[in-house]
Amino acid sequence: MQGRERHVAENEVRFRALNERLRETGAAWEGREGVLSIVCECGDEDCTLPIRLTSGEYESVRAKETQFAIVAGHVRPEVEDVLSEQEGWALVRKRGEAAAIAAASDPRFG
């Protein structure tokens, strides 16, 4: 993997870790029951766009260590595949070395 792609993959796992901390501390929960507001998990280190999803949707993203929730349009086809598109966000799965970095860095599976 090229240096830029590795950097992008590492950014993505940092955002995932941030979202896990927000969920654990309750900071991601909005006033409505069952709705989380998380940060886009794309590879752009400057992206802080929010994604709103239910707790069930969040858990389905976290079911596999290579899956991420990103704002629609932030897909990087060179390292990930779109599994599904929801209102305003997409579920993506990393492949190749990006998948290996994601799997090795997942706080739930590591």
Protein backbone atom coordinates (compact mmCIF):
# COMPACT_ATOMS: atom_id res chain seq x y z
CA MET A 1 0.00 0.00 0.00
CA GLN A 2 1.26 3.43 -0.86
CA GLY A 3 2.06 5.88 1.92
CA ARG A 4 -0.98 8.04 1.17
CA GLU A 5 -3.37 5.08 1.27
CA ARG A 6 -1.86 3.89 4.55
CA HIS A 7 -2.31 7.38 6.01
CA VAL A 8 -5.96 7.39 4.90
CA ALA A 9 -6.57 3.96 6.47
CA GLU A 10 -4.99 5.11 9.73
CA ASN A 11 -7.22 8.21 9.76
CA GLU A 12 -10.28 6.02 9.32
CA VAL A 13 -9.42 3.84 12.30
CA ARG A 14 -8.81 6.96 14.42
CA PHE A 15 -12.33 8.20 13.62
CA ARG A 16 -13.75 4.77 14.42
CA ALA A 17 -11.98 4.79 17.79
CA LEU A 18 -13.33 8.28 18.50
CA ASN A 19 -16.86 7.12 17.72
CA GLU A 20 -16.46 4.11 19.99
CA ARG A 21 -15.37 6.40 22.85
CA LEU A 22 -18.30 8.75 22.18
CA ARG A 23 -20.72 5.82 22.23
CA GLU A 24 -19.25 4.35 25.41
CA THR A 25 -19.40 7.65 27.30
CA GLY A 26 -22.88 8.48 26.02
CA ALA A 27 -21.67 11.66 24.30
CA ALA A 28 -22.94 10.46 20.91
CA TRP A 29 -26.55 9.96 22.00
CA GLU A 30 -29.01 12.60 20.89
CA GLY A 31 -32.17 13.51 22.76
CA ARG A 32 -34.31 11.08 20.79
CA GLU A 33 -34.17 7.52 21.97
CA GLY A 34 -31.92 5.25 19.96
CA VAL A 35 -30.26 7.86 17.74
CA LEU A 36 -26.49 8.34 17.68
CA SER A 37 -24.57 11.22 16.14
CA ILE A 38 -21.10 10.05 15.13
CA VAL A 39 -18.27 11.51 13.08
CA CYS A 40 -17.80 10.41 9.47
CA GLU A 41 -15.21 7.62 9.40
CA CYS A 42 -13.77 8.52 5.99
CA GLY A 43 -10.05 8.90 5.42
CA ASP A 44 -10.08 12.71 5.21
CA GLU A 45 -8.42 13.85 8.42
CA ASP A 46 -10.21 17.22 8.20
CA CYS A 47 -13.70 15.74 7.82
CA THR A 48 -15.88 16.18 10.86
CA LEU A 49 -19.27 15.76 9.20
CA PRO A 50 -21.85 14.10 11.42
CA ILE A 51 -23.74 10.92 10.65
CA ARG A 52 -27.00 10.18 12.44
CA LEU A 53 -27.94 6.54 12.79
CA THR A 54 -29.81 4.28 15.14
CA SER A 55 -28.02 2.20 17.72
CA GLY A 56 -28.97 -0.90 15.70
CA GLU A 57 -27.43 0.56 12.55
CA TYR A 58 -24.28 1.46 14.48
CA GLU A 59 -23.99 -2.07 15.84
CA SER A 60 -24.43 -3.52 12.33
CA VAL A 61 -21.52 -1.34 11.16
CA ARG A 62 -19.41 -2.60 14.06
CA ALA A 63 -20.31 -6.26 13.42
CA LYS A 64 -17.22 -6.60 11.19
CA GLU A 65 -13.86 -5.02 11.91
CA THR A 66 -13.44 -3.94 8.27
CA GLN A 67 -16.69 -1.94 8.09
CA PHE A 68 -17.07 1.82 8.46
CA ALA A 69 -19.85 4.42 8.32
CA ILE A 70 -19.07 7.35 6.04
CA VAL A 71 -20.97 10.32 4.67
CA ALA A 72 -22.44 9.56 1.25
CA GLY A 73 -19.96 10.64 -1.41
CA HIS A 74 -16.84 10.03 0.70
CA VAL A 75 -16.23 6.56 -0.74
CA ARG A 76 -12.68 5.66 -1.79
CA PRO A 77 -13.23 2.94 -4.41
CA GLU A 78 -9.54 2.10 -4.50
CA VAL A 79 -9.68 0.64 -0.96
CA GLU A 80 -13.34 0.01 -0.11
CA ASP A 81 -16.64 -1.35 -1.40
CA VAL A 82 -20.07 0.10 -0.65
CA LEU A 83 -22.22 -2.51 1.10
CA SER A 84 -25.32 -0.34 1.49
CA GLU A 85 -26.44 3.25 1.33
CA GLN A 86 -28.67 4.80 3.95
CA GLU A 87 -30.10 8.29 4.30
CA GLY A 88 -27.01 10.52 4.17
CA TRP A 89 -24.42 7.82 4.85
CA ALA A 90 -22.95 4.63 3.44
CA LEU A 91 -21.72 1.39 4.96
CA VAL A 92 -18.37 0.46 3.42
CA ARG A 93 -16.00 -2.48 3.78
CA LYS A 94 -12.25 -2.07 3.42
CA ARG A 95 -10.21 -4.48 1.33
CA GLY A 96 -6.53 -5.26 0.93
CA GLU A 97 -4.04 -3.66 3.28
CA ALA A 98 -6.64 -1.10 4.39
CA ALA A 99 -8.73 -4.04 5.66
CA ALA A 100 -5.71 -5.46 7.50
CA ILE A 101 -5.05 -2.10 9.19
CA ALA A 102 -8.73 -1.80 10.13
CA ALA A 103 -8.86 -5.32 11.56
CA ALA A 104 -5.66 -4.90 13.57
CA SER A 105 -6.89 -1.62 15.05
CA ASP A 106 -10.48 -2.45 15.94
CA PRO A 107 -11.09 -1.86 19.66
CA ARG A 108 -13.88 -4.45 19.70
CA PHE A 109 -11.89 -7.24 18.06
CA GLY A 110 -8.34 -6.41 19.13
